[in-house]
Amino acid sequence: MTSTTSPTWWRGAVVYQIYVRSFADSGTRGVAGVGDLPGITSRLPYLRDLGVDAVWITPFYTSPQNDHGYDVADYRDVDDLFGTLTDADDLVAEAHDLGLKVIVDLVPNHTSSEHEWFRAALAAGPGSPERARYLFRDGRGEDGAEPPNNWPSVFGGPAWTRVPDGQWYLNLFDSTQPDLDWRNPEVGDMFVDVLRFWLDRDVDGFRVDVAHGLYKEESLRDQVVEDGASADEPKESMVSRTVRDEPMWDQPEVHDVYRRWHDVLAEYDGDRMNVAEAWTQTPESMAKFVRSEEMSQAFNFSWLLADWSAEAFADVITGTFAALADVDASPTWVLSNHDVIRHVTRYGGGQAGLSRARAATLTMLALPGSSYLYQGEELGLEQVDVAPEDRQDPSWFRTGEVGRDGCRVPIPWSGTSAPYGFGPGDDQPWIPQPDDWAPLTAEAQTGDEDSTLEFYRRALAARRTLSPADGVDVSVEGDLLTVTRGDLRVVLNCGDADVELPAGDVVLTSGPVSDRLPADTAVWLR
């Protein structure tokens, strides 16, 4: 299998995100109901047949699992929950045999509080070289009882935790995820070693978590907040924040890290790549991450955040290409991932939400650049309302607000009741599955031409026929969005009423059409 562009495979690839805990449980790891690496390997033929080019696998490293793997205790080993290094090697080898690339997750902003470095920092005390690897500071106020500054944690509450000797350490996420001090050369050297460790094991690339967050303003000054507000009040999440003072994010020094990493990847054959999860405030700041000597790609979350409207989608497409024009980078497109509400639900849920989700997907897949899919979207899965007693997102425990568990429910493979073939046995997996998912299993949808799974297979196959393109023409007429790529024309009806089907030969549709294009439907025409 080859990607849609050559020889730089990632510029036009379709990448499928696998959330390890929720993809497939092999039953070989001794913990029932949790996905693992052998489970992924067993399902790789399904992904080949789906028509993707690569898989991105969320963290499987040694971890206490306080943030489900994004709290790494050892970057060079596999957690017993998920398998062994041999299992990882087998997965990569099998994927390559099937024509699939493998991208692994890298978490450089913070470690686990159980990482050997952090344990050493706690033992060594204030002023030690061990503490200099993290952002330890003395507190403010009487006896240093107040945090060093007013920064909030993304997961709620203050971003500082006090240790018994009186100092505080920065944790922009959970208190079990202490932030590293990237101004310390030891930190950068350690991660270069980690890159080489996995490149030597033949992985094809890295998805870089919180890529915009490694450096903080050196002074660690207070964040400027609006009059009458406090920094630790609930705000927009990192996903949906708007422009404001952010001394903890997107500092210019971070780009030196990625220039160094670019040189490391260039030493290896096979066109290795990396993609930044950089929740920047503007498309222009996002583009800085993909300058020619830095990252290969950066996630473009603009479509994910856009309202359902032809104008909004047109602005996303034209704005993305405009922002990237000066850096000669290829765009990325994404509608769902493990941190946001699934797009079927985001677009209204039910049949209307599914119709819109399929139409948005078909439009996205026609665009030049890479498309990132999230596991289960090819089955039309909606966000699940997980019962409070079953929620496991650390943000839920810190804030009491519904977190990200609803998009992380293990996906259904077969059968008529939980666990729907997710793993052996009859028990519910780590997050319980709904009791009405039987029609949504991969088994139930296979061969049903009207199913969402077969729609994705057709769409991904059709995408492979598209000629490479550097850009598109975009126009809006009322509620109709038209995107032209070479001889292909894509028309998306974002309105409430059907319209006359434009002239041309129908290549593919997101739903039934006749001589009319229904609302919430997209069509490819030639």
Protein backbone atom coordinates (compact mmCIF):
# COMPACT_ATOMS: atom_id res chain seq x y z
CA MET A 1 0.00 0.00 0.00
CA THR A 2 1.31 3.47 -0.84
CA SER A 3 0.28 6.82 0.48
CA THR A 4 -1.51 9.42 -1.62
CA THR A 5 1.67 11.40 -2.18
CA SER A 6 5.21 10.28 -2.93
CA PRO A 7 7.94 10.24 -1.90
CA THR A 8 7.12 12.31 1.21
CA TRP A 9 4.48 9.92 2.47
CA TRP A 10 3.11 12.03 5.32
CA ARG A 11 2.18 15.04 3.18
CA GLY A 12 -0.96 13.34 1.92
CA ALA A 13 -1.42 10.47 4.36
CA VAL A 14 -4.57 9.41 6.15
CA VAL A 15 -3.54 8.72 9.74
CA TYR A 16 -5.72 6.70 12.12
CA GLN A 17 -5.42 7.53 15.81
CA ILE A 18 -5.45 4.57 18.18
CA TYR A 19 -6.23 5.23 21.84
CA VAL A 20 -4.43 2.20 23.22
CA ARG A 21 -6.68 1.48 26.20
CA SER A 22 -9.80 1.49 24.04
CA PHE A 23 -8.93 -0.17 20.74
CA ALA A 24 -8.60 -3.94 21.31
CA ASP A 25 -7.86 -6.16 24.31
CA SER A 26 -5.90 -9.28 23.37
CA GLY A 27 -6.59 -10.93 26.71
CA THR A 28 -2.88 -11.72 27.11
CA ARG A 29 -1.88 -9.04 29.60
CA GLY A 30 -3.74 -10.23 32.70
CA VAL A 31 -5.91 -7.09 32.99
CA ALA A 32 -9.29 -7.64 31.40
CA GLY A 33 -11.08 -4.81 29.65
CA VAL A 34 -8.05 -2.68 28.74
CA GLY A 35 -6.62 -2.51 25.23
CA ASP A 36 -3.01 -3.45 24.58
CA LEU A 37 -0.33 -3.68 21.90
CA PRO A 38 -1.03 -7.30 20.88
CA GLY A 39 -4.67 -6.29 20.49
CA ILE A 40 -3.67 -3.50 18.12
CA THR A 41 -1.47 -5.86 16.12
CA SER A 42 -4.35 -8.31 15.71
CA ARG A 43 -6.55 -5.57 14.22
CA LEU A 44 -4.04 -4.03 11.81
CA PRO A 45 -5.50 -5.90 8.80
CA TYR A 46 -8.80 -4.12 9.50
CA LEU A 47 -7.02 -0.77 9.24
CA ARG A 48 -5.26 -1.77 6.05
CA ASP A 49 -8.62 -2.73 4.57
CA LEU A 50 -10.16 0.51 5.82
CA GLY A 51 -7.66 2.32 3.61
CA VAL A 52 -5.49 4.36 5.97
CA ASP A 53 -1.78 4.99 5.46
CA ALA A 54 -0.53 5.17 9.03
CA VAL A 55 -1.47 4.67 12.66
CA TRP A 56 -0.78 7.08 15.50
CA ILE A 57 -0.65 5.22 18.82
CA THR A 58 -1.19 7.06 22.11
CA PRO A 59 1.39 6.52 24.90
CA PHE A 60 2.09 2.94 25.90
CA TYR A 61 5.20 3.64 27.99
CA THR A 62 5.69 2.71 31.63
CA SER A 63 3.26 4.87 33.58
CA PRO A 64 1.15 4.89 36.74
CA GLN A 65 -1.76 5.76 34.40
CA ASN A 66 -2.96 8.81 36.32
CA ASP A 67 -3.57 10.44 32.94
CA HIS A 68 -3.85 7.17 31.04
CA GLY A 69 -0.30 7.14 29.75
CA TYR A 70 0.36 10.84 29.32
CA ASP A 71 2.22 10.65 32.65
CA VAL A 72 5.36 8.80 31.60
CA ALA A 73 7.66 7.14 34.14
CA ASP A 74 10.00 5.53 31.59
CA TYR A 75 10.11 6.66 27.96
CA ARG A 76 12.16 3.66 26.86
CA ASP A 77 9.93 0.81 27.97
CA VAL A 78 6.37 -0.49 27.56
CA ASP A 79 3.99 -0.56 30.48
CA ASP A 80 3.13 -4.09 31.62
CA LEU A 81 -0.53 -3.15 31.16
CA PHE A 82 0.01 -2.87 27.41
CA GLY A 83 2.73 -5.40 26.62
CA THR A 84 6.48 -5.56 26.23
CA LEU A 85 9.15 -4.06 24.00
CA THR A 86 8.94 -7.25 21.95
CA ASP A 87 5.22 -6.60 21.48
CA ALA A 88 6.03 -3.08 20.30
CA ASP A 89 8.59 -4.40 17.84
CA ASP A 90 6.11 -6.98 16.57
CA LEU A 91 3.47 -4.30 16.07
CA VAL A 92 5.82 -2.10 14.04
CA ALA A 93 7.00 -5.03 11.94
CA GLU A 94 3.46 -6.23 11.21
CA ALA A 95 2.31 -2.73 10.33
CA HIS A 96 5.18 -2.33 7.90
CA ASP A 97 4.40 -5.71 6.34
CA LEU A 98 0.86 -4.45 5.76
CA GLY A 99 2.06 -1.17 4.24
CA LEU A 100 1.21 0.95 7.28
CA LYS A 101 3.45 3.56 8.90
CA VAL A 102 3.64 3.85 12.70
CA ILE A 103 3.64 7.14 14.62
CA VAL A 104 4.13 6.99 18.39
CA ASP A 105 3.19 9.59 20.97
CA LEU A 106 5.91 11.58 22.73
CA VAL A 107 5.21 13.55 25.93
CA PRO A 108 8.04 16.08 26.46
CA ASN A 109 6.33 18.82 28.49
CA HIS A 110 6.19 16.80 31.70
CA THR A 111 7.01 13.43 33.18
CA SER A 112 5.19 11.30 35.70
CA SER A 113 5.84 12.08 39.35
CA GLU A 114 7.12 8.49 39.45
CA HIS A 115 9.86 9.13 36.86
CA GLU A 116 13.31 8.46 38.31
CA TRP A 117 14.28 12.08 37.74
CA PHE A 118 11.40 13.41 39.82
CA ARG A 119 11.96 10.91 42.60
CA ALA A 120 15.58 12.05 42.71
CA ALA A 121 14.47 15.69 42.75
CA LEU A 122 12.27 15.15 45.79
CA ALA A 123 15.06 13.31 47.58
CA ALA A 124 17.79 15.83 46.75
CA GLY A 125 16.15 18.97 48.09
CA PRO A 126 16.11 22.68 47.16
CA GLY A 127 18.93 24.03 45.02
CA SER A 128 20.09 20.63 43.83
CA PRO A 129 20.95 19.70 40.23
CA GLU A 130 18.18 17.10 40.40
CA ARG A 131 15.56 19.77 41.09
CA ALA A 132 16.94 21.89 38.27
CA ARG A 133 15.46 19.43 35.77
CA TYR A 134 11.98 20.59 36.84
CA LEU A 135 10.43 23.96 37.70
CA PHE A 136 10.75 24.03 41.48
CA ARG A 137 10.34 27.44 43.12
CA ASP A 138 9.91 28.94 46.56
CA GLY A 139 6.41 30.12 47.38
CA ARG A 140 5.12 33.61 47.99
CA GLY A 141 3.61 35.12 51.09
CA GLU A 142 4.28 34.28 54.70
CA ASP A 143 6.44 31.15 55.00
CA GLY A 144 6.13 30.64 51.24
CA ALA A 145 2.62 29.30 51.71
CA GLU A 146 1.26 30.75 48.46
CA PRO A 147 2.09 29.39 44.97
CA PRO A 148 4.96 31.12 43.11
CA ASN A 149 2.57 32.64 40.58
CA ASN A 150 -1.10 32.66 39.61
CA TRP A 151 -0.99 30.16 36.74
CA PRO A 152 -3.94 27.75 36.45
CA SER A 153 -3.76 24.07 35.61
CA VAL A 154 -5.41 22.95 32.36
CA PHE A 155 -7.18 20.32 34.48
CA GLY A 156 -8.47 22.89 36.99
CA GLY A 157 -7.12 24.55 40.11
CA PRO A 158 -3.66 26.04 40.58
CA ALA A 159 -0.73 24.81 38.49
CA TRP A 160 1.56 24.41 41.52
CA THR A 161 1.95 21.64 44.10
CA ARG A 162 3.82 22.05 47.38
CA VAL A 163 6.26 19.42 48.64
CA PRO A 164 7.07 18.73 52.32
CA ASP A 165 10.23 20.88 52.40
CA GLY A 166 8.14 23.92 51.42
CA GLN A 167 9.04 24.38 47.76
CA TRP A 168 6.50 24.19 44.96
CA TYR A 169 6.73 22.54 41.54
CA LEU A 170 4.89 23.52 38.38
CA ASN A 171 2.29 21.16 36.95
CA LEU A 172 0.30 22.68 34.12
CA PHE A 173 -1.80 19.53 34.00
CA ASP A 174 -2.23 17.10 36.91
CA SER A 175 -0.18 17.23 40.11
CA THR A 176 1.26 13.83 39.10
CA GLN A 177 2.65 15.44 35.90
CA PRO A 178 5.48 17.82 36.92
CA ASP A 179 6.65 20.13 34.14
CA LEU A 180 10.24 19.80 32.99
CA ASP A 181 12.57 22.80 32.80
CA TRP A 182 13.62 22.85 29.15
CA ARG A 183 16.19 25.54 29.90
CA ASN A 184 18.25 22.77 31.49
CA PRO A 185 20.37 21.10 28.75
CA GLU A 186 19.96 17.70 30.41
CA VAL A 187 16.30 17.71 29.45
CA GLY A 188 16.92 18.26 25.75
CA ASP A 189 19.68 15.67 25.69
CA MET A 190 17.44 13.08 27.34
CA PHE A 191 14.71 13.49 24.75
CA VAL A 192 17.14 13.23 21.86
CA ASP A 193 18.14 9.88 23.34
CA VAL A 194 14.47 8.91 23.52
CA LEU A 195 13.95 9.86 19.88
CA ARG A 196 16.89 7.72 18.85
CA PHE A 197 15.68 4.80 20.96
CA TRP A 198 12.39 4.58 19.07
CA LEU A 199 13.82 5.52 15.67
CA ASP A 200 16.26 2.65 16.09
CA ARG A 201 13.21 0.43 16.66
CA ASP A 202 11.95 1.57 13.22
CA VAL A 203 9.03 3.82 14.14
CA ASP A 204 8.18 6.25 11.35
CA GLY A 205 7.38 9.33 13.36
CA PHE A 206 6.24 11.05 16.51
CA ARG A 207 3.15 12.92 17.57
CA VAL A 208 4.43 15.51 20.04
CA ASP A 209 2.10 16.19 22.96
CA VAL A 210 1.69 19.82 24.10
CA ALA A 211 4.36 20.84 21.61
CA HIS A 212 3.75 24.54 22.33
CA GLY A 213 4.28 24.18 26.07
CA LEU A 214 7.87 23.09 26.65
CA TYR A 215 9.31 26.53 27.43
CA LYS A 216 7.76 29.03 29.82
CA GLU A 217 8.69 32.68 30.17
CA GLU A 218 11.90 32.52 32.19
CA SER A 219 10.66 34.90 34.89
CA LEU A 220 7.59 32.72 35.58
CA ARG A 221 5.71 36.00 36.06
CA ASP A 222 2.03 36.18 36.87
CA GLN A 223 -0.44 35.76 34.05
CA VAL A 224 -2.26 39.01 33.34
CA VAL A 225 -5.99 38.43 33.76
CA GLU A 226 -9.01 40.58 33.14
CA ASP A 227 -10.09 42.99 35.83
CA GLY A 228 -12.12 41.23 38.48
CA ALA A 229 -11.03 37.75 37.41
CA SER A 230 -8.47 35.40 38.88
CA ALA A 231 -6.13 33.15 36.96
CA ASP A 232 -7.41 29.96 38.56
CA GLU A 233 -11.08 30.59 37.81
CA PRO A 234 -12.61 28.13 35.32
CA LYS A 235 -11.87 29.38 31.80
CA GLU A 236 -11.97 28.13 28.27
CA SER A 237 -10.01 24.94 27.89
CA MET A 238 -6.70 24.83 26.03
CA VAL A 239 -8.76 23.53 23.09
CA SER A 240 -11.05 26.54 22.80
CA ARG A 241 -9.12 29.39 24.38
CA THR A 242 -8.92 32.82 22.76
CA VAL A 243 -6.06 35.29 22.56
CA ARG A 244 -4.85 36.45 25.97
CA ASP A 245 -1.67 36.74 28.02
CA GLU A 246 -0.05 33.30 28.18
CA PRO A 247 3.47 33.25 29.65
CA MET A 248 3.23 29.47 29.94
CA TRP A 249 2.60 28.68 26.27
CA ASP A 250 4.15 29.15 22.83
CA GLN A 251 7.45 30.74 23.79
CA PRO A 252 9.95 31.41 20.97
CA GLU A 253 12.66 29.17 22.45
CA VAL A 254 10.57 26.07 21.77
CA HIS A 255 11.47 26.26 18.10
CA ASP A 256 15.12 25.55 18.89
CA VAL A 257 14.01 22.16 20.24
CA TYR A 258 12.31 21.22 17.02
CA ARG A 259 15.22 22.36 14.86
CA ARG A 260 17.41 19.96 16.81
CA TRP A 261 14.86 17.17 16.45
CA HIS A 262 14.60 17.85 12.72
CA ASP A 263 18.31 17.16 12.40
CA VAL A 264 17.99 13.92 14.38
CA LEU A 265 15.18 12.61 12.17
CA ALA A 266 17.16 13.53 9.05
CA GLU A 267 19.88 11.09 10.08
CA TYR A 268 17.49 8.17 9.55
CA ASP A 269 16.26 6.78 6.26
CA GLY A 270 12.62 6.25 5.42
CA ASP A 271 11.40 9.85 5.62
CA ARG A 272 10.77 9.97 9.38
CA MET A 273 8.39 12.71 10.53
CA ASN A 274 6.85 14.45 13.51
CA VAL A 275 3.56 16.26 14.05
CA ALA A 276 2.95 18.89 16.68
CA GLU A 277 -0.04 19.06 18.96
CA ALA A 278 0.28 22.82 19.26
CA TRP A 279 -2.85 24.57 20.46
CA THR A 280 -1.65 27.94 19.20
CA GLN A 281 -3.85 31.00 19.20
CA THR A 282 -3.65 31.82 15.48
CA PRO A 283 -2.97 29.97 12.21
CA GLU A 284 0.12 32.15 11.79
CA SER A 285 1.63 30.97 15.08
CA MET A 286 0.80 27.38 14.15
CA ALA A 287 2.67 27.83 10.88
CA LYS A 288 5.88 28.65 12.75
CA PHE A 289 6.05 25.05 13.95
CA VAL A 290 6.20 23.71 10.38
CA ARG A 291 8.94 25.83 8.93
CA SER A 292 11.24 23.72 6.78
CA GLU A 293 13.84 23.14 9.50
CA GLU A 294 11.35 22.28 12.27
CA MET A 295 8.33 19.97 12.49
CA SER A 296 6.91 18.06 9.54
CA GLN A 297 3.33 18.94 10.41
CA ALA A 298 1.19 20.58 13.08
CA PHE A 299 -2.36 19.65 13.91
CA ASN A 300 -4.82 22.14 12.47
CA PHE A 301 -7.75 22.25 14.87
CA SER A 302 -9.61 25.06 13.13
CA TRP A 303 -12.18 22.80 11.47
CA LEU A 304 -12.73 20.93 14.70
CA LEU A 305 -13.61 24.25 16.38
CA ALA A 306 -15.72 25.66 13.54
CA ASP A 307 -19.50 25.99 13.58
CA TRP A 308 -21.59 24.04 11.09
CA SER A 309 -21.78 26.57 8.26
CA ALA A 310 -20.47 26.97 4.75
CA GLU A 311 -18.89 30.32 5.63
CA ALA A 312 -17.11 28.91 8.69
CA PHE A 313 -15.71 25.95 6.76
CA ALA A 314 -14.62 28.17 3.87
CA ASP A 315 -12.78 30.42 6.31
CA VAL A 316 -11.02 27.39 7.81
CA ILE A 317 -9.86 26.10 4.43
CA THR A 318 -8.71 29.41 2.97
CA GLY A 319 -7.16 30.54 6.27
CA THR A 320 -5.20 27.31 6.61
CA PHE A 321 -3.69 27.48 3.14
CA ALA A 322 -2.91 31.17 3.55
CA ALA A 323 -1.11 30.59 6.86
CA LEU A 324 1.03 27.81 5.40
CA ALA A 325 1.85 29.48 2.10
CA ASP A 326 5.03 31.17 3.30
CA VAL A 327 6.50 28.05 4.94
CA ASP A 328 5.78 25.53 2.15
CA ALA A 329 4.10 23.10 4.56
CA SER A 330 1.24 20.72 3.93
CA PRO A 331 -1.96 21.18 5.94
CA THR A 332 -3.54 18.72 8.31
CA TRP A 333 -7.25 18.24 8.89
CA VAL A 334 -8.97 16.68 11.89
CA LEU A 335 -12.55 16.44 13.12
CA SER A 336 -12.18 14.34 16.29
CA ASN A 337 -9.56 13.07 18.71
CA HIS A 338 -9.25 11.73 22.25
CA ASP A 339 -9.55 15.18 23.86
CA VAL A 340 -12.73 16.54 22.29
CA ILE A 341 -16.38 15.65 21.81
CA ARG A 342 -16.89 13.27 18.87
CA HIS A 343 -18.03 15.19 15.84
CA VAL A 344 -21.29 13.27 15.35
CA THR A 345 -22.39 14.62 18.72
CA ARG A 346 -20.79 18.02 18.18
CA TYR A 347 -22.88 18.39 15.03
CA GLY A 348 -26.12 17.70 16.88
CA GLY A 349 -26.18 13.96 17.48
CA GLY A 350 -28.65 11.40 16.19
CA GLN A 351 -29.23 10.97 12.48
CA ALA A 352 -28.76 14.68 11.78
CA GLY A 353 -25.41 14.68 13.56
CA LEU A 354 -24.31 11.56 11.69
CA SER A 355 -25.32 13.04 8.33
CA ARG A 356 -23.36 16.19 9.05
CA ALA A 357 -20.36 14.20 10.29
CA ARG A 358 -20.26 12.11 7.12
CA ALA A 359 -20.64 15.21 4.95
CA ALA A 360 -17.84 17.04 6.78
CA THR A 361 -15.61 13.97 6.50
CA LEU A 362 -16.17 13.64 2.76
CA THR A 363 -15.36 17.30 2.27
CA MET A 364 -12.23 17.05 4.44
CA LEU A 365 -10.94 13.98 2.60
CA ALA A 366 -10.99 15.87 -0.69
CA LEU A 367 -8.53 18.48 0.58
CA PRO A 368 -4.80 18.35 -0.10
CA GLY A 369 -2.74 17.49 2.95
CA SER A 370 -3.08 14.87 5.66
CA SER A 371 -6.31 13.74 7.29
CA TYR A 372 -6.27 12.43 10.85
CA LEU A 373 -9.09 10.09 11.85
CA TYR A 374 -9.96 9.06 15.39
CA GLN A 375 -10.77 5.45 16.17
CA GLY A 376 -14.48 4.68 16.01
CA GLU A 377 -15.45 7.62 13.84
CA GLU A 378 -15.60 5.20 10.91
CA LEU A 379 -18.36 3.42 12.86
CA GLY A 380 -20.32 6.63 13.42
CA LEU A 381 -19.83 6.53 17.18
CA GLU A 382 -21.28 9.34 19.25
CA GLN A 383 -20.02 10.81 22.49
CA VAL A 384 -21.11 8.59 25.39
CA ASP A 385 -22.63 10.06 28.55
CA VAL A 386 -20.45 8.13 30.99
CA ALA A 387 -21.96 7.68 34.44
CA PRO A 388 -20.17 9.68 37.16
CA GLU A 389 -19.07 6.53 38.96
CA ASP A 390 -17.35 5.29 35.78
CA ARG A 391 -15.51 8.51 34.86
CA GLN A 392 -11.73 8.33 34.99
CA ASP A 393 -10.44 11.54 33.43
CA PRO A 394 -8.20 13.40 35.91
CA SER A 395 -9.91 16.67 34.98
CA TRP A 396 -13.17 15.19 36.35
CA PHE A 397 -11.58 14.50 39.70
CA ARG A 398 -10.01 17.98 39.88
CA THR A 399 -13.00 20.04 38.75
CA GLY A 400 -16.14 17.92 38.97
CA GLU A 401 -16.83 18.81 35.34
CA VAL A 402 -17.47 16.13 32.73
CA GLY A 403 -14.13 15.31 31.13
CA ARG A 404 -13.00 13.38 28.08
CA ASP A 405 -14.18 9.88 28.99
CA GLY A 406 -17.13 10.03 26.61
CA CYS A 407 -14.93 9.91 23.50
CA ARG A 408 -12.67 7.22 24.96
CA VAL A 409 -15.15 4.39 25.41
CA PRO A 410 -13.73 1.15 23.93
CA ILE A 411 -14.90 0.61 20.37
CA PRO A 412 -17.27 -2.22 19.36
CA TRP A 413 -16.04 -4.95 17.04
CA SER A 414 -18.67 -7.70 17.00
CA GLY A 415 -21.52 -9.37 18.82
CA THR A 416 -24.74 -8.08 20.32
CA SER A 417 -23.73 -7.10 23.84
CA ALA A 418 -20.76 -5.66 25.72
CA PRO A 419 -17.86 -5.95 25.36
CA TYR A 420 -18.79 -6.30 21.65
CA GLY A 421 -15.66 -8.26 20.78
CA PHE A 422 -13.36 -5.67 22.35
CA GLY A 423 -11.76 -8.45 24.37
CA PRO A 424 -12.39 -11.95 25.67
CA GLY A 425 -15.05 -12.64 28.26
CA ASP A 426 -18.38 -11.01 28.95
CA ASP A 427 -17.45 -8.19 31.32
CA GLN A 428 -17.61 -4.51 30.52
CA PRO A 429 -14.29 -2.86 29.59
CA TRP A 430 -12.55 -0.14 31.61
CA ILE A 431 -15.18 2.41 30.56
CA PRO A 432 -18.55 0.67 30.11
CA GLN A 433 -20.02 0.53 26.61
CA PRO A 434 -23.65 1.47 25.87
CA ASP A 435 -26.16 -1.36 25.57
CA ASP A 436 -27.39 -0.16 22.13
CA TRP A 437 -24.14 -0.47 20.18
CA ALA A 438 -24.84 -3.82 18.49
CA PRO A 439 -25.79 -2.19 15.13
CA LEU A 440 -22.58 -0.11 15.24
CA THR A 441 -20.02 -2.92 15.48
CA ALA A 442 -17.53 -3.33 12.68
CA GLU A 443 -18.97 -6.79 12.06
CA ALA A 444 -22.55 -5.50 11.75
CA GLN A 445 -21.59 -2.69 9.38
CA THR A 446 -19.31 -4.68 7.10
CA GLY A 447 -21.09 -5.37 3.81
CA ASP A 448 -23.92 -2.92 4.51
CA GLU A 449 -23.48 -0.36 1.75
CA ASP A 450 -25.47 2.24 3.71
CA SER A 451 -23.31 1.92 6.81
CA THR A 452 -20.84 4.52 7.95
CA LEU A 453 -18.00 1.98 7.87
CA GLU A 454 -18.57 1.16 4.19
CA PHE A 455 -18.90 4.88 3.46
CA TYR A 456 -15.45 5.47 4.98
CA ARG A 457 -13.98 2.60 2.98
CA ARG A 458 -15.38 4.04 -0.25
CA ALA A 459 -14.24 7.55 0.61
CA LEU A 460 -10.70 6.49 1.47
CA ALA A 461 -10.46 4.42 -1.70
CA ALA A 462 -11.69 7.36 -3.78
CA ARG A 463 -9.19 9.68 -2.10
CA ARG A 464 -6.37 7.54 -3.49
CA THR A 465 -7.45 8.42 -7.02
CA LEU A 466 -6.92 12.14 -6.47
CA SER A 467 -3.96 13.82 -8.10
CA PRO A 468 -1.55 15.70 -5.84
CA ALA A 469 -2.49 19.36 -5.43
CA ASP A 470 -1.02 22.37 -3.69
CA GLY A 471 -4.28 24.16 -3.10
CA VAL A 472 -7.96 24.43 -3.86
CA ASP A 473 -10.50 26.99 -4.99
CA VAL A 474 -13.21 27.70 -2.43
CA SER A 475 -16.51 29.49 -2.89
CA VAL A 476 -19.70 29.98 -0.88
CA GLU A 477 -23.16 30.61 -2.23
CA GLY A 478 -25.73 30.78 0.52
CA ASP A 479 -25.44 27.55 2.48
CA LEU A 480 -23.45 25.78 -0.24
CA LEU A 481 -19.71 25.32 0.09
CA THR A 482 -17.90 24.41 -3.13
CA VAL A 483 -14.29 23.22 -3.13
CA THR A 484 -12.53 22.60 -6.44
CA ARG A 485 -9.38 20.47 -6.63
CA GLY A 486 -8.24 19.95 -10.18
CA ASP A 487 -11.07 18.20 -12.01
CA LEU A 488 -12.84 17.31 -8.75
CA ARG A 489 -15.61 19.50 -7.38
CA VAL A 490 -16.94 19.00 -3.84
CA VAL A 491 -20.26 20.54 -2.88
CA LEU A 492 -21.45 20.58 0.74
CA ASN A 493 -24.98 21.64 1.62
CA CYS A 494 -24.90 23.14 5.12
CA GLY A 495 -28.45 24.44 4.87
CA ASP A 496 -31.81 23.16 6.05
CA ALA A 497 -33.32 22.49 2.62
CA ASP A 498 -32.34 20.46 -0.40
CA VAL A 499 -31.05 22.18 -3.51
CA GLU A 500 -30.63 21.25 -7.14
CA LEU A 501 -27.73 18.86 -7.61
CA PRO A 502 -24.97 20.67 -9.52
CA ALA A 503 -24.00 19.38 -12.94
CA GLY A 504 -21.34 16.69 -13.22
CA ASP A 505 -20.78 13.00 -12.83
CA VAL A 506 -21.30 11.85 -9.26
CA VAL A 507 -18.17 10.19 -7.87
CA LEU A 508 -19.20 9.76 -4.24
CA THR A 509 -21.80 11.06 -1.80
CA SER A 510 -22.08 11.18 1.97
CA GLY A 511 -25.73 10.16 1.80
CA PRO A 512 -28.53 9.48 -0.68
CA VAL A 513 -28.95 11.99 -3.52
CA SER A 514 -31.19 12.20 -6.56
CA ASP A 515 -31.45 15.24 -8.78
CA ARG A 516 -31.44 17.18 -5.52
CA LEU A 517 -28.67 17.56 -2.94
CA PRO A 518 -30.24 17.13 0.50
CA ALA A 519 -29.39 19.22 3.53
CA ASP A 520 -26.34 18.07 5.52
CA THR A 521 -24.96 16.17 2.52
CA ALA A 522 -21.79 16.40 0.46
CA VAL A 523 -21.02 15.15 -3.05
CA TRP A 524 -17.89 14.68 -5.16
CA LEU A 525 -18.43 15.58 -8.82
CA ARG A 526 -16.34 15.41 -11.96
